[in-house]
Amino acid sequence: MKYINLVYEDDILDVDILSVPNEVADNIESIVKEFEAWCGIPENARRFMIYNDQGAYMSVDTEEFLWWLNEVKLQGREKAVIVKQHTTICYDYPCAEF
């Protein structure tokens, strides 16, 4: 298991750290692209939809990415977990950028 940074909108002062299987950390850029492609399929995107007075929109954050990693990408293998949230970036870890 290795740690990765989850960075949203280039905000390196509000980063989440995940512990993920080595192959995920070592290929994090392609894993993020795979997740984004999966979310681009309407029947998959419905899982992350938020409905309000203004309509509907997709909301993806750390918990949603973690769910996808564990339930779709890593089915039956070692699970990814959140180590720390709302911290600063650790440049020693690979980055998943959203």
Protein backbone atom coordinates (compact mmCIF):
# COMPACT_ATOMS: atom_id res chain seq x y z
CA MET A 1 0.00 0.00 0.00
CA LYS A 2 1.11 3.53 -0.83
CA TYR A 3 -0.22 6.98 -0.07
CA ILE A 4 -1.58 9.35 -2.72
CA ASN A 5 -2.74 12.97 -2.64
CA LEU A 6 -6.23 13.83 -3.88
CA VAL A 7 -6.11 17.41 -5.12
CA TYR A 8 -9.22 19.28 -6.26
CA GLU A 9 -8.99 22.42 -8.41
CA ASP A 10 -5.23 22.81 -7.74
CA ASP A 11 -5.89 23.56 -4.04
CA ILE A 12 -2.71 22.15 -2.45
CA LEU A 13 -3.73 23.51 0.95
CA ASP A 14 -6.86 21.32 1.17
CA VAL A 15 -5.78 17.83 0.13
CA ASP A 16 -7.02 14.38 1.08
CA ILE A 17 -4.55 11.52 1.56
CA LEU A 18 -5.55 7.96 0.62
CA SER A 19 -3.79 4.67 1.14
CA VAL A 20 -4.16 2.63 -2.05
CA PRO A 21 -2.70 -0.58 -3.49
CA ASN A 22 0.72 -0.04 -5.06
CA GLU A 23 -0.52 -0.56 -8.63
CA VAL A 24 -3.07 2.25 -8.16
CA ALA A 25 -0.47 4.69 -6.81
CA ASP A 26 2.00 3.75 -9.53
CA ASN A 27 -0.58 4.40 -12.28
CA ILE A 28 -2.66 7.14 -10.67
CA GLU A 29 -2.94 9.36 -13.76
CA SER A 30 -4.43 6.57 -15.86
CA ILE A 31 -6.64 5.47 -12.94
CA VAL A 32 -8.08 9.01 -12.69
CA LYS A 33 -8.75 9.03 -16.44
CA GLU A 34 -10.47 5.65 -16.12
CA PHE A 35 -12.65 6.99 -13.29
CA GLU A 36 -13.56 10.09 -15.30
CA ALA A 37 -14.46 7.92 -18.32
CA TRP A 38 -16.60 5.68 -16.08
CA CYS A 39 -18.39 8.78 -14.73
CA GLY A 40 -19.01 9.91 -18.29
CA ILE A 41 -21.39 7.00 -18.86
CA PRO A 42 -24.89 8.28 -17.96
CA GLU A 43 -26.01 5.16 -16.07
CA ASN A 44 -22.84 5.34 -13.94
CA ALA A 45 -23.07 9.11 -13.41
CA ARG A 46 -26.56 8.72 -11.91
CA ARG A 47 -24.93 7.29 -8.77
CA PHE A 48 -23.33 10.68 -8.08
CA MET A 49 -26.18 13.00 -9.10
CA ILE A 50 -27.48 15.71 -6.79
CA TYR A 51 -31.00 17.06 -7.38
CA ASN A 52 -32.17 20.44 -6.15
CA ASP A 53 -34.43 23.36 -7.10
CA GLN A 54 -32.09 24.43 -9.91
CA GLY A 55 -31.94 20.95 -11.49
CA ALA A 56 -29.44 18.13 -11.32
CA TYR A 57 -25.67 17.99 -11.31
CA MET A 58 -22.98 15.40 -10.67
CA SER A 59 -21.00 15.75 -7.45
CA VAL A 60 -17.76 13.83 -7.05
CA ASP A 61 -15.46 14.09 -4.06
CA THR A 62 -13.10 11.82 -2.15
CA GLU A 63 -15.81 9.46 -0.91
CA GLU A 64 -17.12 8.90 -4.44
CA PHE A 65 -13.65 8.25 -5.86
CA LEU A 66 -12.93 5.89 -2.95
CA TRP A 67 -16.21 4.03 -3.55
CA TRP A 68 -15.35 3.60 -7.25
CA LEU A 69 -11.84 2.39 -6.44
CA ASN A 70 -13.07 -0.22 -3.98
CA GLU A 71 -16.29 -1.35 -5.65
CA VAL A 72 -15.45 -1.07 -9.34
CA LYS A 73 -11.69 -0.96 -9.92
CA LEU A 74 -10.41 -3.10 -7.04
CA GLN A 75 -13.32 -5.54 -6.65
CA GLY A 76 -12.33 -8.20 -4.14
CA ARG A 77 -8.78 -6.91 -3.67
CA GLU A 78 -7.13 -4.88 -0.95
CA LYS A 79 -9.26 -1.80 -0.20
CA ALA A 80 -8.24 1.83 -0.48
CA VAL A 81 -8.88 3.96 2.64
CA ILE A 82 -8.85 7.61 3.61
CA VAL A 83 -5.85 8.39 5.81
CA LYS A 84 -6.33 12.12 6.35
CA GLN A 85 -8.59 14.83 4.97
CA HIS A 86 -8.24 18.59 4.62
CA THR A 87 -4.47 18.64 4.95
CA THR A 88 -1.68 20.05 2.79
CA ILE A 89 -0.06 18.29 -0.13
CA CYS A 90 2.79 15.87 0.48
CA TYR A 91 5.10 16.13 -2.52
CA ASP A 92 6.51 12.66 -1.78
CA TYR A 93 3.18 11.07 -2.81
CA PRO A 94 1.71 10.75 -6.29
CA CYS A 95 -1.23 13.07 -7.05
CA ALA A 96 -4.73 12.34 -8.28
CA GLU A 97 -5.87 15.68 -9.66
CA PHE A 98 -9.50 16.55 -10.24
